[in-house]
Amino acid sequence: MTEDTNELLPTAEYSGPVFKRFEVDPSKPHSTSGRTNGPSDYVLAAGAVDRDAPTEAKDTRIGRLRAYITTLQDEVNEFLTERMKSKGEEERQDLVNSEEEEDEDQTGV
């Protein structure tokens, strides 16, 4: 895709316990076929056909915008998925620690 230096580029922000800003790098390749959308690999392996697959972006401002937004969405989805996994691991570790403390209290060790 060509880069128009006058184009405004979309951004996204996550704020919570941490803050993260997502920005598009127009010098990198972008596509409307995202990594985090569409049917899962499992569903596709079972023979499903993705009838809602997006068309490839045209080299126009709106086409590039579609591809940029898909890239942003992938980055946000991957970030949030990783945060959920980390949170789940922390909660499991807290549960294990509290069970160990309970066992110590009961045995007096």
C-alpha atoms as a PDB file:
ATOM      1  CA  MET A   1       0.000   0.000   0.000  1.00  0.00           C
ATOM      2  CA  THR A   2       1.231   3.455  -0.706  1.00  0.00           C
ATOM      3  CA  GLU A   3       1.608   5.906   2.089  1.00  0.00           C
ATOM      4  CA  ASP A   4      -0.027   9.327   1.916  1.00  0.00           C
ATOM      5  CA  THR A   5       1.856  11.559   4.344  1.00  0.00           C
ATOM      6  CA  ASN A   6      -1.252  13.713   4.806  1.00  0.00           C
ATOM      7  CA  GLU A   7      -3.367  10.788   6.031  1.00  0.00           C
ATOM      8  CA  LEU A   8      -4.521  10.729   9.599  1.00  0.00           C
ATOM      9  CA  LEU A   9      -3.735   7.394  11.205  1.00  0.00           C
ATOM     10  CA  PRO A  10      -6.092   5.693  13.660  1.00  0.00           C
ATOM     11  CA  THR A  11      -4.959   4.967  17.210  1.00  0.00           C
ATOM     12  CA  ALA A  12      -6.428   3.087  20.144  1.00  0.00           C
ATOM     13  CA  GLU A  13      -5.844   3.333  23.882  1.00  0.00           C
ATOM     14  CA  TYR A  14      -6.357   0.918  26.744  1.00  0.00           C
ATOM     15  CA  SER A  15      -6.504   2.299  30.249  1.00  0.00           C
ATOM     16  CA  GLY A  16      -6.902   0.268  33.377  1.00  0.00           C
ATOM     17  CA  PRO A  17      -4.309  -0.957  35.816  1.00  0.00           C
ATOM     18  CA  VAL A  18      -1.898  -0.311  32.934  1.00  0.00           C
ATOM     19  CA  PHE A  19      -2.043   2.133  30.046  1.00  0.00           C
ATOM     20  CA  LYS A  20      -1.243   1.112  26.492  1.00  0.00           C
ATOM     21  CA  ARG A  21      -1.455   3.112  23.293  1.00  0.00           C
ATOM     22  CA  PHE A  22      -1.751   1.343  19.953  1.00  0.00           C
ATOM     23  CA  GLU A  23      -0.562   3.116  16.817  1.00  0.00           C
ATOM     24  CA  VAL A  24      -0.398   2.140  13.167  1.00  0.00           C
ATOM     25  CA  ASP A  25       2.960   2.135  11.408  1.00  0.00           C
ATOM     26  CA  PRO A  26       2.103   2.956   7.781  1.00  0.00           C
ATOM     27  CA  SER A  27       5.492   1.684   6.597  1.00  0.00           C
ATOM     28  CA  LYS A  28       4.558  -1.888   7.604  1.00  0.00           C
ATOM     29  CA  PRO A  29       2.211  -4.126   5.584  1.00  0.00           C
ATOM     30  CA  HIS A  30      -1.474  -4.100   6.560  1.00  0.00           C
ATOM     31  CA  SER A  31      -4.363  -6.286   5.479  1.00  0.00           C
ATOM     32  CA  THR A  32      -8.089  -6.609   6.064  1.00  0.00           C
ATOM     33  CA  SER A  33      -7.551 -10.314   6.780  1.00  0.00           C
ATOM     34  CA  GLY A  34      -6.837 -10.039  10.468  1.00  0.00           C
ATOM     35  CA  ARG A  35      -5.101 -12.569  12.678  1.00  0.00           C
ATOM     36  CA  THR A  36      -7.805 -12.473  15.352  1.00  0.00           C
ATOM     37  CA  ASN A  37     -11.039 -12.458  13.374  1.00  0.00           C
ATOM     38  CA  GLY A  38     -12.950 -15.030  11.379  1.00  0.00           C
ATOM     39  CA  PRO A  39     -13.539 -18.695  12.150  1.00  0.00           C
ATOM     40  CA  SER A  40     -11.068 -20.517  14.383  1.00  0.00           C
ATOM     41  CA  ASP A  41      -8.493 -22.897  12.928  1.00  0.00           C
ATOM     42  CA  TYR A  42     -10.468 -25.747  14.513  1.00  0.00           C
ATOM     43  CA  VAL A  43     -13.660 -24.756  12.676  1.00  0.00           C
ATOM     44  CA  LEU A  44     -11.820 -24.298   9.376  1.00  0.00           C
ATOM     45  CA  ALA A  45     -10.092 -27.690   9.791  1.00  0.00           C
ATOM     46  CA  ALA A  46     -13.532 -29.248  10.262  1.00  0.00           C
ATOM     47  CA  GLY A  47     -14.423 -28.071   6.762  1.00  0.00           C
ATOM     48  CA  ALA A  48     -16.169 -24.763   7.403  1.00  0.00           C
ATOM     49  CA  VAL A  49     -15.890 -22.077   4.748  1.00  0.00           C
ATOM     50  CA  ASP A  50     -15.486 -18.449   5.806  1.00  0.00           C
ATOM     51  CA  ARG A  51     -18.233 -16.828   3.759  1.00  0.00           C
ATOM     52  CA  ASP A  52     -17.799 -13.530   5.599  1.00  0.00           C
ATOM     53  CA  ALA A  53     -14.107 -13.117   4.803  1.00  0.00           C
ATOM     54  CA  PRO A  54     -13.332  -9.473   4.067  1.00  0.00           C
ATOM     55  CA  THR A  55     -12.239  -8.354   0.640  1.00  0.00           C
ATOM     56  CA  GLU A  56      -8.663  -7.164   0.343  1.00  0.00           C
ATOM     57  CA  ALA A  57      -8.202  -3.426   0.845  1.00  0.00           C
ATOM     58  CA  LYS A  58      -7.837  -1.232  -2.207  1.00  0.00           C
ATOM     59  CA  ASP A  59      -4.963   1.246  -2.369  1.00  0.00           C
ATOM     60  CA  THR A  60      -7.192   4.206  -1.559  1.00  0.00           C
ATOM     61  CA  ARG A  61      -7.551   6.238   1.628  1.00  0.00           C
ATOM     62  CA  ILE A  62     -10.610   4.276   2.726  1.00  0.00           C
ATOM     63  CA  GLY A  63      -8.984   0.976   1.745  1.00  0.00           C
ATOM     64  CA  ARG A  64      -5.866   1.766   3.762  1.00  0.00           C
ATOM     65  CA  LEU A  65      -8.046   2.871   6.688  1.00  0.00           C
ATOM     66  CA  ARG A  66      -9.830  -0.516   6.638  1.00  0.00           C
ATOM     67  CA  ALA A  67      -6.474  -2.305   6.746  1.00  0.00           C
ATOM     68  CA  TYR A  68      -5.085  -0.018   9.476  1.00  0.00           C
ATOM     69  CA  ILE A  69      -8.149  -0.602  11.644  1.00  0.00           C
ATOM     70  CA  THR A  70      -7.850  -4.369  11.178  1.00  0.00           C
ATOM     71  CA  THR A  71      -4.225  -4.162  12.330  1.00  0.00           C
ATOM     72  CA  LEU A  72      -5.233  -2.091  15.369  1.00  0.00           C
ATOM     73  CA  GLN A  73      -8.013  -4.535  16.210  1.00  0.00           C
ATOM     74  CA  ASP A  74      -5.564  -7.462  16.042  1.00  0.00           C
ATOM     75  CA  GLU A  75      -3.100  -5.686  18.330  1.00  0.00           C
ATOM     76  CA  VAL A  76      -5.817  -4.782  20.854  1.00  0.00           C
ATOM     77  CA  ASN A  77      -7.274  -8.315  20.786  1.00  0.00           C
ATOM     78  CA  GLU A  78      -3.850  -9.906  21.304  1.00  0.00           C
ATOM     79  CA  PHE A  79      -3.018  -7.495  24.139  1.00  0.00           C
ATOM     80  CA  LEU A  80      -6.327  -8.135  25.922  1.00  0.00           C
ATOM     81  CA  THR A  81      -6.061 -11.901  25.434  1.00  0.00           C
ATOM     82  CA  GLU A  82      -2.591 -11.864  26.979  1.00  0.00           C
ATOM     83  CA  ARG A  83      -3.864  -9.747  29.902  1.00  0.00           C
ATOM     84  CA  MET A  84      -6.721 -12.194  30.502  1.00  0.00           C
ATOM     85  CA  LYS A  85      -4.299 -15.146  30.445  1.00  0.00           C
ATOM     86  CA  SER A  86      -1.974 -13.380  32.889  1.00  0.00           C
ATOM     87  CA  LYS A  87      -4.880 -12.498  35.162  1.00  0.00           C
ATOM     88  CA  GLY A  88      -6.078 -16.111  35.091  1.00  0.00           C
ATOM     89  CA  GLU A  89      -2.592 -17.353  36.009  1.00  0.00           C
ATOM     90  CA  GLU A  90      -2.404 -14.856  38.889  1.00  0.00           C
ATOM     91  CA  GLU A  91      -5.804 -15.976  40.187  1.00  0.00           C
ATOM     92  CA  ARG A  92      -4.816 -19.661  39.962  1.00  0.00           C
ATOM     93  CA  GLN A  93      -1.565 -18.945  41.804  1.00  0.00           C
ATOM     94  CA  ASP A  94      -3.469 -17.014  44.498  1.00  0.00           C
ATOM     95  CA  LEU A  95      -5.810 -19.993  44.894  1.00  0.00           C
ATOM     96  CA  VAL A  96      -2.893 -22.441  45.211  1.00  0.00           C
ATOM     97  CA  ASN A  97      -1.184 -20.169  47.758  1.00  0.00           C
ATOM     98  CA  SER A  98      -4.336 -19.818  49.859  1.00  0.00           C
ATOM     99  CA  GLU A  99      -4.874 -23.612  49.800  1.00  0.00           C
ATOM    100  CA  GLU A 100      -1.271 -24.145  50.931  1.00  0.00           C
ATOM    101  CA  GLU A 101      -1.766 -21.646  53.765  1.00  0.00           C
ATOM    102  CA  GLU A 102      -4.962 -23.455  54.772  1.00  0.00           C
ATOM    103  CA  ASP A 103      -3.126 -26.797  54.837  1.00  0.00           C
ATOM    104  CA  GLU A 104      -0.352 -25.272  56.968  1.00  0.00           C
ATOM    105  CA  ASP A 105      -2.928 -23.858  59.405  1.00  0.00           C
ATOM    106  CA  GLN A 106      -4.613 -27.253  59.749  1.00  0.00           C
ATOM    107  CA  THR A 107      -1.387 -29.226  60.222  1.00  0.00           C
ATOM    108  CA  GLY A 108       0.309 -26.592  62.356  1.00  0.00           C
ATOM    109  CA  VAL A 109       3.377 -26.630  60.121  1.00  0.00           C
END
